[in-house]
C-alpha atoms as a PDB file:
ATOM      1  CA  MET A   1    -108.579-139.440 -48.545  1.00  0.00           C
ATOM      2  CA  VAL A   2    -111.438-140.368 -50.981  1.00  0.00           C
ATOM      3  CA  LEU A   3    -111.044-141.056 -54.686  1.00  0.00           C
ATOM      4  CA  GLY A   4    -113.281-139.124 -57.093  1.00  0.00           C
ATOM      5  CA  ALA A   5    -113.624-138.613 -60.775  1.00  0.00           C
ATOM      6  CA  GLN A   6    -113.524-135.217 -62.352  1.00  0.00           C
ATOM      7  CA  LEU A   7    -116.065-135.208 -65.019  1.00  0.00           C
ATOM      8  CA  PHE A   8    -114.340-133.054 -67.345  1.00  0.00           C
ATOM      9  CA  THR A   9    -112.604-136.342 -68.347  1.00  0.00           C
ATOM     10  CA  VAL A  10    -115.856-137.622 -69.782  1.00  0.00           C
ATOM     11  CA  ARG A  11    -117.409-134.261 -70.738  1.00  0.00           C
ATOM     12  CA  LYS A  12    -118.281-135.550 -74.244  1.00  0.00           C
ATOM     13  CA  PHE A  13    -120.693-138.083 -72.584  1.00  0.00           C
ATOM     14  CA  ALA A  14    -122.534-135.422 -70.436  1.00  0.00           C
ATOM     15  CA  THR A  15    -123.811-132.991 -73.080  1.00  0.00           C
ATOM     16  CA  ASN A  16    -127.388-133.513 -72.324  1.00  0.00           C
ATOM     17  CA  LEU A  17    -129.293-134.582 -69.104  1.00  0.00           C
ATOM     18  CA  GLU A  18    -130.050-138.092 -70.205  1.00  0.00           C
ATOM     19  CA  ASP A  19    -126.343-138.849 -70.926  1.00  0.00           C
ATOM     20  CA  PHE A  20    -125.100-137.013 -67.823  1.00  0.00           C
ATOM     21  CA  SER A  21    -127.413-139.397 -65.771  1.00  0.00           C
ATOM     22  CA  GLU A  22    -126.119-142.452 -67.585  1.00  0.00           C
ATOM     23  CA  THR A  23    -122.449-141.132 -67.252  1.00  0.00           C
ATOM     24  CA  LEU A  24    -122.951-140.821 -63.333  1.00  0.00           C
ATOM     25  CA  LYS A  25    -123.983-144.461 -63.259  1.00  0.00           C
ATOM     26  CA  LYS A  26    -121.003-145.427 -65.016  1.00  0.00           C
ATOM     27  CA  ILE A  27    -118.739-143.502 -62.620  1.00  0.00           C
ATOM     28  CA  ALA A  28    -120.391-145.210 -59.826  1.00  0.00           C
ATOM     29  CA  ASP A  29    -119.959-148.510 -61.315  1.00  0.00           C
ATOM     30  CA  ILE A  30    -116.155-148.130 -61.539  1.00  0.00           C
ATOM     31  CA  GLY A  31    -116.085-147.655 -57.866  1.00  0.00           C
ATOM     32  CA  TYR A  32    -115.900-143.857 -57.403  1.00  0.00           C
ATOM     33  CA  THR A  33    -118.003-142.377 -54.671  1.00  0.00           C
ATOM     34  CA  THR A  34    -117.300-138.666 -55.289  1.00  0.00           C
ATOM     35  CA  ILE A  35    -117.381-136.484 -58.375  1.00  0.00           C
ATOM     36  CA  GLN A  36    -116.507-133.107 -59.472  1.00  0.00           C
ATOM     37  CA  ALA A  37    -119.117-131.441 -61.874  1.00  0.00           C
ATOM     38  CA  SER A  38    -117.225-129.721 -64.565  1.00  0.00           C
ATOM     39  CA  GLY A  39    -117.482-129.356 -68.383  1.00  0.00           C
ATOM     40  CA  VAL A  40    -121.057-131.027 -68.306  1.00  0.00           C
ATOM     41  CA  CYS A  41    -124.372-129.644 -69.580  1.00  0.00           C
ATOM     42  CA  ALA A  42    -126.507-127.117 -67.717  1.00  0.00           C
ATOM     43  CA  TYR A  43    -128.331-128.758 -64.851  1.00  0.00           C
ATOM     44  CA  GLU A  44    -130.516-127.612 -62.061  1.00  0.00           C
ATOM     45  CA  PRO A  45    -128.942-128.223 -58.553  1.00  0.00           C
ATOM     46  CA  GLU A  46    -132.053-130.181 -57.521  1.00  0.00           C
ATOM     47  CA  TRP A  47    -131.711-132.604 -60.497  1.00  0.00           C
ATOM     48  CA  LEU A  48    -128.045-133.089 -59.577  1.00  0.00           C
ATOM     49  CA  ASP A  49    -128.971-133.836 -55.958  1.00  0.00           C
ATOM     50  CA  GLU A  50    -131.431-136.457 -57.062  1.00  0.00           C
ATOM     51  CA  GLN A  51    -129.011-138.057 -59.429  1.00  0.00           C
ATOM     52  CA  LEU A  52    -126.189-138.166 -56.982  1.00  0.00           C
ATOM     53  CA  LYS A  53    -128.240-139.799 -54.455  1.00  0.00           C
ATOM     54  CA  ALA A  54    -129.665-142.488 -56.872  1.00  0.00           C
ATOM     55  CA  ASN A  55    -126.086-143.498 -57.641  1.00  0.00           C
ATOM     56  CA  GLY A  56    -124.565-143.232 -54.299  1.00  0.00           C
ATOM     57  CA  LEU A  57    -122.396-140.340 -55.175  1.00  0.00           C
ATOM     58  CA  ARG A  58    -121.319-136.979 -53.583  1.00  0.00           C
ATOM     59  CA  CYS A  59    -120.337-133.871 -55.745  1.00  0.00           C
ATOM     60  CA  VAL A  60    -117.628-132.384 -53.522  1.00  0.00           C
ATOM     61  CA  ILE A  61    -116.404-129.479 -55.874  1.00  0.00           C
ATOM     62  CA  THR A  62    -117.327-127.880 -59.222  1.00  0.00           C
ATOM     63  CA  HIS A  63    -115.859-125.800 -61.878  1.00  0.00           C
ATOM     64  CA  ILE A  64    -118.438-123.072 -63.037  1.00  0.00           C
ATOM     65  CA  ASN A  65    -118.074-119.783 -64.998  1.00  0.00           C
ATOM     66  CA  PRO A  66    -115.871-117.449 -62.966  1.00  0.00           C
ATOM     67  CA  GLU A  67    -118.117-114.535 -64.152  1.00  0.00           C
ATOM     68  CA  LYS A  68    -121.044-116.146 -62.495  1.00  0.00           C
ATOM     69  CA  ILE A  69    -119.131-116.619 -59.274  1.00  0.00           C
ATOM     70  CA  ARG A  70    -118.034-112.937 -59.478  1.00  0.00           C
ATOM     71  CA  THR A  71    -121.560-111.379 -60.195  1.00  0.00           C
ATOM     72  CA  GLU A  72    -124.032-113.931 -58.607  1.00  0.00           C
ATOM     73  CA  THR A  73    -121.803-114.947 -55.613  1.00  0.00           C
ATOM     74  CA  GLU A  74    -124.529-115.869 -52.948  1.00  0.00           C
ATOM     75  CA  ALA A  75    -126.836-117.555 -55.345  1.00  0.00           C
ATOM     76  CA  VAL A  76    -123.953-119.650 -56.436  1.00  0.00           C
ATOM     77  CA  VAL A  77    -123.393-120.637 -52.901  1.00  0.00           C
ATOM     78  CA  ALA A  78    -127.000-121.249 -52.391  1.00  0.00           C
ATOM     79  CA  ASP A  79    -127.144-123.529 -55.428  1.00  0.00           C
ATOM     80  CA  HIS A  80    -124.191-125.674 -54.310  1.00  0.00           C
ATOM     81  CA  LYS A  81    -125.918-126.131 -50.842  1.00  0.00           C
ATOM     82  CA  LYS A  82    -128.797-127.853 -52.587  1.00  0.00           C
ATOM     83  CA  PHE A  83    -126.496-130.650 -53.484  1.00  0.00           C
ATOM     84  CA  ASP A  84    -124.324-130.450 -50.460  1.00  0.00           C
ATOM     85  CA  CYS A  85    -121.158-129.040 -52.067  1.00  0.00           C
ATOM     86  CA  LYS A  86    -118.865-126.741 -50.346  1.00  0.00           C
ATOM     87  CA  TYR A  87    -116.148-126.239 -52.759  1.00  0.00           C
ATOM     88  CA  ILE A  88    -116.761-123.892 -55.570  1.00  0.00           C
ATOM     89  CA  GLY A  89    -114.197-124.082 -58.109  1.00  0.00           C
ATOM     90  CA  ILE A  90    -112.431-121.718 -60.763  1.00  0.00           C
ATOM     91  CA  GLY A  91    -111.103-124.034 -63.449  1.00  0.00           C
ATOM     92  CA  MET A  92    -108.533-121.562 -64.975  1.00  0.00           C
ATOM     93  CA  MET A  93    -107.270-118.024 -64.758  1.00  0.00           C
ATOM     94  CA  PRO A  94    -109.876-115.985 -66.644  1.00  0.00           C
ATOM     95  CA  TYR A  95    -107.379-113.484 -67.750  1.00  0.00           C
ATOM     96  CA  ALA A  96    -104.114-113.775 -69.735  1.00  0.00           C
ATOM     97  CA  LEU A  97    -101.328-113.764 -67.135  1.00  0.00           C
ATOM     98  CA  GLU A  98     -98.795-112.514 -69.780  1.00  0.00           C
ATOM     99  CA  GLU A  99    -100.695-109.210 -70.183  1.00  0.00           C
ATOM    100  CA  GLU A 100     -99.860-106.344 -67.709  1.00  0.00           C
ATOM    101  CA  GLY A 101    -102.476-105.947 -65.049  1.00  0.00           C
ATOM    102  CA  SER A 102    -104.222-109.209 -65.616  1.00  0.00           C
ATOM    103  CA  TYR A 103    -103.316-110.591 -62.254  1.00  0.00           C
ATOM    104  CA  GLU A 104    -104.074-107.632 -60.408  1.00  0.00           C
ATOM    105  CA  LYS A 105    -107.585-107.552 -62.110  1.00  0.00           C
ATOM    106  CA  PHE A 106    -108.137-111.028 -61.026  1.00  0.00           C
ATOM    107  CA  VAL A 107    -107.425-110.143 -57.247  1.00  0.00           C
ATOM    108  CA  GLU A 108    -109.586-107.169 -57.581  1.00  0.00           C
ATOM    109  CA  ASN A 109    -112.526-109.050 -58.983  1.00  0.00           C
ATOM    110  CA  PHE A 110    -112.418-112.037 -56.945  1.00  0.00           C
ATOM    111  CA  LEU A 111    -111.330-111.012 -53.418  1.00  0.00           C
ATOM    112  CA  GLN A 112    -114.823-110.055 -52.366  1.00  0.00           C
ATOM    113  CA  PRO A 113    -116.560-112.953 -53.863  1.00  0.00           C
ATOM    114  CA  ALA A 114    -114.066-115.138 -51.974  1.00  0.00           C
ATOM    115  CA  LYS A 115    -114.918-113.301 -48.819  1.00  0.00           C
ATOM    116  CA  THR A 116    -118.533-113.706 -49.536  1.00  0.00           C
ATOM    117  CA  ILE A 117    -118.389-117.474 -50.220  1.00  0.00           C
ATOM    118  CA  ALA A 118    -116.411-118.066 -47.052  1.00  0.00           C
ATOM    119  CA  ALA A 119    -119.019-116.012 -45.055  1.00  0.00           C
ATOM    120  CA  ASN A 120    -121.803-118.259 -46.394  1.00  0.00           C
ATOM    121  CA  GLY A 121    -120.066-121.489 -45.436  1.00  0.00           C
ATOM    122  CA  GLY A 122    -118.340-122.314 -48.784  1.00  0.00           C
ATOM    123  CA  TYR A 123    -114.860-122.199 -50.031  1.00  0.00           C
ATOM    124  CA  LEU A 124    -113.527-120.873 -53.330  1.00  0.00           C
ATOM    125  CA  MET A 125    -111.034-123.149 -55.028  1.00  0.00           C
ATOM    126  CA  TYR A 126    -108.569-122.321 -57.749  1.00  0.00           C
ATOM    127  CA  HIS A 127    -107.208-124.931 -60.139  1.00  0.00           C
ATOM    128  CA  ASN A 128    -104.033-124.394 -61.644  1.00  0.00           C
ATOM    129  CA  HIS A 129    -102.488-124.981 -65.124  1.00  0.00           C
ATOM    130  CA  ASN A 130     -98.914-124.340 -65.964  1.00  0.00           C
ATOM    131  CA  ASN A 131     -99.214-120.571 -66.618  1.00  0.00           C
ATOM    132  CA  GLU A 132     -99.511-119.839 -62.940  1.00  0.00           C
ATOM    133  CA  PHE A 133     -95.761-120.680 -62.840  1.00  0.00           C
ATOM    134  CA  MET A 134     -94.773-117.700 -64.703  1.00  0.00           C
ATOM    135  CA  LYS A 135     -92.998-115.028 -62.478  1.00  0.00           C
ATOM    136  CA  ASN A 136     -93.944-111.506 -61.892  1.00  0.00           C
ATOM    137  CA  LYS A 137     -91.448-108.775 -61.853  1.00  0.00           C
ATOM    138  CA  GLU A 138     -90.594-109.532 -58.318  1.00  0.00           C
ATOM    139  CA  GLY A 139     -89.500-113.175 -59.391  1.00  0.00           C
ATOM    140  CA  LYS A 140     -92.498-114.651 -57.683  1.00  0.00           C
ATOM    141  CA  THR A 141     -94.722-117.331 -59.485  1.00  0.00           C
ATOM    142  CA  TYR A 142     -98.215-116.177 -59.806  1.00  0.00           C
ATOM    143  CA  PHE A 143     -99.230-119.423 -57.889  1.00  0.00           C
ATOM    144  CA  GLN A 144     -97.415-118.090 -54.864  1.00  0.00           C
ATOM    145  CA  CYS A 145     -98.933-114.581 -55.289  1.00  0.00           C
ATOM    146  CA  LEU A 146    -102.354-116.081 -55.012  1.00  0.00           C
ATOM    147  CA  SER A 147    -101.669-117.828 -51.839  1.00  0.00           C
ATOM    148  CA  GLU A 148    -100.319-114.509 -50.254  1.00  0.00           C
ATOM    149  CA  ASP A 149    -102.943-112.104 -51.728  1.00  0.00           C
ATOM    150  CA  PHE A 150    -105.882-114.218 -50.620  1.00  0.00           C
ATOM    151  CA  ALA A 151    -106.356-115.360 -46.994  1.00  0.00           C
ATOM    152  CA  PRO A 152    -106.112-119.148 -46.390  1.00  0.00           C
ATOM    153  CA  ASN A 153    -109.839-119.223 -45.356  1.00  0.00           C
ATOM    154  CA  GLU A 154    -110.865-117.503 -48.554  1.00  0.00           C
ATOM    155  CA  LEU A 155    -108.973-119.246 -51.439  1.00  0.00           C
ATOM    156  CA  GLY A 156    -108.008-122.962 -51.607  1.00  0.00           C
ATOM    157  CA  PHE A 157    -105.954-124.617 -54.340  1.00  0.00           C
ATOM    158  CA  THR A 158    -106.919-127.655 -56.330  1.00  0.00           C
ATOM    159  CA  VAL A 159    -103.493-128.444 -57.069  1.00  0.00           C
ATOM    160  CA  ASP A 160    -103.149-130.310 -60.374  1.00  0.00           C
ATOM    161  CA  THR A 161    -100.350-132.650 -60.274  1.00  0.00           C
ATOM    162  CA  TYR A 162     -99.616-132.889 -64.189  1.00  0.00           C
ATOM    163  CA  TRP A 163     -99.824-128.974 -64.674  1.00  0.00           C
ATOM    164  CA  VAL A 164     -97.638-128.377 -61.793  1.00  0.00           C
ATOM    165  CA  GLN A 165     -95.017-130.838 -63.304  1.00  0.00           C
ATOM    166  CA  VAL A 166     -95.415-129.151 -66.716  1.00  0.00           C
ATOM    167  CA  GLY A 167     -94.971-125.751 -65.319  1.00  0.00           C
ATOM    168  CA  GLY A 168     -91.591-126.706 -63.739  1.00  0.00           C
ATOM    169  CA  GLY A 169     -92.601-127.460 -60.099  1.00  0.00           C
ATOM    170  CA  ASN A 170     -92.616-130.532 -57.874  1.00  0.00           C
ATOM    171  CA  PRO A 171     -96.223-131.578 -57.279  1.00  0.00           C
ATOM    172  CA  ALA A 172     -95.723-133.042 -53.836  1.00  0.00           C
ATOM    173  CA  GLU A 173     -93.764-129.793 -52.765  1.00  0.00           C
ATOM    174  CA  TRP A 174     -96.527-127.505 -53.921  1.00  0.00           C
ATOM    175  CA  ILE A 175     -99.153-129.484 -52.080  1.00  0.00           C
ATOM    176  CA  LYS A 176     -96.965-129.268 -48.948  1.00  0.00           C
ATOM    177  CA  LYS A 177     -96.541-125.530 -49.550  1.00  0.00           C
ATOM    178  CA  PHE A 178    -100.468-125.175 -49.613  1.00  0.00           C
ATOM    179  CA  SER A 179    -100.961-127.389 -46.505  1.00  0.00           C
ATOM    180  CA  GLY A 180    -104.443-126.762 -45.143  1.00  0.00           C
ATOM    181  CA  ARG A 181    -105.520-125.083 -48.447  1.00  0.00           C
ATOM    182  CA  CYS A 182    -105.839-128.044 -50.663  1.00  0.00           C
ATOM    183  CA  PRO A 183    -108.719-130.155 -49.607  1.00  0.00           C
ATOM    184  CA  CYS A 184    -109.295-131.321 -53.194  1.00  0.00           C
ATOM    185  CA  ILE A 185    -106.446-132.086 -55.736  1.00  0.00           C
ATOM    186  CA  HIS A 186    -106.449-133.442 -59.245  1.00  0.00           C
ATOM    187  CA  LEU A 187    -104.491-136.598 -60.024  1.00  0.00           C
ATOM    188  CA  LYS A 188    -103.390-137.307 -63.660  1.00  0.00           C
ATOM    189  CA  ASP A 189    -100.038-138.670 -64.960  1.00  0.00           C
ATOM    190  CA  LEU A 190     -97.552-137.641 -67.375  1.00  0.00           C
ATOM    191  CA  ILE A 191     -95.575-139.447 -70.104  1.00  0.00           C
ATOM    192  CA  PRO A 192     -93.003-138.162 -72.637  1.00  0.00           C
ATOM    193  CA  TYR A 193     -94.362-138.057 -76.282  1.00  0.00           C
ATOM    194  CA  GLY A 194     -91.544-136.936 -78.581  1.00  0.00           C
ATOM    195  CA  ARG A 195     -90.399-133.492 -77.330  1.00  0.00           C
ATOM    196  CA  GLU A 196     -93.768-133.111 -75.734  1.00  0.00           C
ATOM    197  CA  THR A 197     -95.771-134.434 -72.883  1.00  0.00           C
ATOM    198  CA  ARG A 198     -99.179-136.283 -72.769  1.00  0.00           C
ATOM    199  CA  MET A 199    -101.516-137.036 -69.973  1.00  0.00           C
ATOM    200  CA  ALA A 200    -101.943-140.656 -68.746  1.00  0.00           C
ATOM    201  CA  PRO A 201    -103.912-142.712 -66.344  1.00  0.00           C
ATOM    202  CA  VAL A 202    -102.551-142.405 -62.727  1.00  0.00           C
ATOM    203  CA  GLY A 203     -99.791-144.802 -62.168  1.00  0.00           C
ATOM    204  CA  GLU A 204     -98.933-145.322 -65.909  1.00  0.00           C
ATOM    205  CA  GLY A 205     -96.563-142.350 -66.296  1.00  0.00           C
ATOM    206  CA  ASN A 206     -93.450-140.688 -64.725  1.00  0.00           C
ATOM    207  CA  LEU A 207     -95.008-138.693 -61.834  1.00  0.00           C
ATOM    208  CA  ASP A 208     -93.803-139.826 -58.390  1.00  0.00           C
ATOM    209  CA  PHE A 209     -97.186-140.647 -56.735  1.00  0.00           C
ATOM    210  CA  GLU A 210     -95.887-142.208 -53.669  1.00  0.00           C
ATOM    211  CA  SER A 211     -94.572-138.689 -52.669  1.00  0.00           C
ATOM    212  CA  ILE A 212     -97.713-137.052 -53.957  1.00  0.00           C
ATOM    213  CA  LEU A 213    -100.211-139.196 -51.964  1.00  0.00           C
ATOM    214  CA  LEU A 214     -97.854-138.616 -48.716  1.00  0.00           C
ATOM    215  CA  ALA A 215     -97.898-134.988 -49.166  1.00  0.00           C
ATOM    216  CA  ALA A 216    -101.503-134.792 -49.708  1.00  0.00           C
ATOM    217  CA  GLU A 217    -102.139-136.692 -46.562  1.00  0.00           C
ATOM    218  CA  ALA A 218    -100.047-134.567 -44.751  1.00  0.00           C
ATOM    219  CA  ALA A 219    -101.493-131.405 -46.029  1.00  0.00           C
ATOM    220  CA  GLY A 220    -105.052-132.370 -45.037  1.00  0.00           C
ATOM    221  CA  THR A 221    -106.457-133.314 -48.593  1.00  0.00           C
ATOM    222  CA  ASP A 222    -109.939-134.937 -48.230  1.00  0.00           C
ATOM    223  CA  TYR A 223    -110.594-135.677 -52.078  1.00  0.00           C
ATOM    224  CA  MET A 224    -108.434-136.791 -54.795  1.00  0.00           C
ATOM    225  CA  LEU A 225    -110.192-136.283 -58.331  1.00  0.00           C
ATOM    226  CA  VAL A 226    -108.730-138.177 -61.166  1.00  0.00           C
ATOM    227  CA  GLU A 227    -108.772-136.115 -64.273  1.00  0.00           C
ATOM    228  CA  GLN A 228    -107.446-136.771 -67.858  1.00  0.00           C
ATOM    229  CA  ASP A 229    -108.296-133.814 -70.067  1.00  0.00           C
ATOM    230  CA  ASN A 230    -107.260-135.637 -73.117  1.00  0.00           C
ATOM    231  CA  CYS A 231    -107.461-139.519 -73.501  1.00  0.00           C
ATOM    232  CA  TYR A 232    -106.359-139.463 -77.012  1.00  0.00           C
ATOM    233  CA  ASP A 233    -107.407-142.777 -78.707  1.00  0.00           C
ATOM    234  CA  ASP A 234    -108.463-144.427 -75.530  1.00  0.00           C
ATOM    235  CA  ASP A 235    -111.949-144.686 -74.039  1.00  0.00           C
ATOM    236  CA  PRO A 236    -112.261-141.900 -71.138  1.00  0.00           C
ATOM    237  CA  PHE A 237    -114.167-144.234 -68.867  1.00  0.00           C
ATOM    238  CA  ASP A 238    -111.492-146.949 -69.334  1.00  0.00           C
ATOM    239  CA  CYS A 239    -108.924-144.323 -68.461  1.00  0.00           C
ATOM    240  CA  LEU A 240    -110.740-143.485 -65.303  1.00  0.00           C
ATOM    241  CA  ARG A 241    -111.102-147.127 -64.440  1.00  0.00           C
ATOM    242  CA  ARG A 242    -107.318-147.739 -64.835  1.00  0.00           C
ATOM    243  CA  SER A 243    -106.423-144.766 -62.683  1.00  0.00           C
ATOM    244  CA  TYR A 244    -108.906-145.935 -59.959  1.00  0.00           C
ATOM    245  CA  ASN A 245    -107.501-149.602 -60.090  1.00  0.00           C
ATOM    246  CA  ASN A 246    -104.049-148.278 -59.960  1.00  0.00           C
ATOM    247  CA  LEU A 247    -104.720-146.037 -57.007  1.00  0.00           C
ATOM    248  CA  LYS A 248    -106.453-148.766 -55.090  1.00  0.00           C
ATOM    249  CA  ALA A 249    -103.251-150.866 -55.613  1.00  0.00           C
ATOM    250  CA  MET A 250    -101.434-148.044 -54.019  1.00  0.00           C
ATOM    251  CA  GLY A 251    -103.460-148.217 -51.071  1.00  0.00           C
ATOM    252  CA  CYS A 252    -106.035-145.379 -51.769  1.00  0.00           C
ATOM    253  CA  LYS A 253    -109.931-145.924 -51.161  1.00  0.00           C
END
């Protein structure tokens, strides 16, 4: 399994192409060899390919506008091929799951794009938050429903360790449940903060990363992307560096 950086962590430092270019260099300097492009400024795929090669990086997954995935599916796949990226990610459910019919709307709107992406050599990836752990009228979580309503070769899951825990699940168990369908996962840690929780660099919180890493390896995960949506008062690059060093100490590479 290869360590990577989810650029949503450093999105404030990639709001234009010049800063984005410098950010990629900083990520490579930490030691990461792969990235996820998410939350950054607009870019041409050829530009990204050039910048990645200049820094010895690979973009292994993205998050892009779900509506573009739905309406410009083949063009999206073609753009991703220009920087050798198979995994095309939906960063969050585009509809409110608490509203009746919203889940069914998602399946209706994205089942065919998922099939088209797969037929063109890509793989649609769904990134969870905690709301997917809401249950439908039959008592099933929407996360489980997604795995049943899309074929394994049509939809994969970028399991996010922090959000699974916040949703009341066990990250390692959900990674096992989606074995073969989670080539990319997100690693972030969790710490108590009063009666709430906060995100933390990997290895500095309460998540059981020993079991998470074992589960990921058994499930066939290829890429582990470190993501910390909120670094609070800390430098996001320093947070990525701390996560990288802690994961290396755990035996990751």
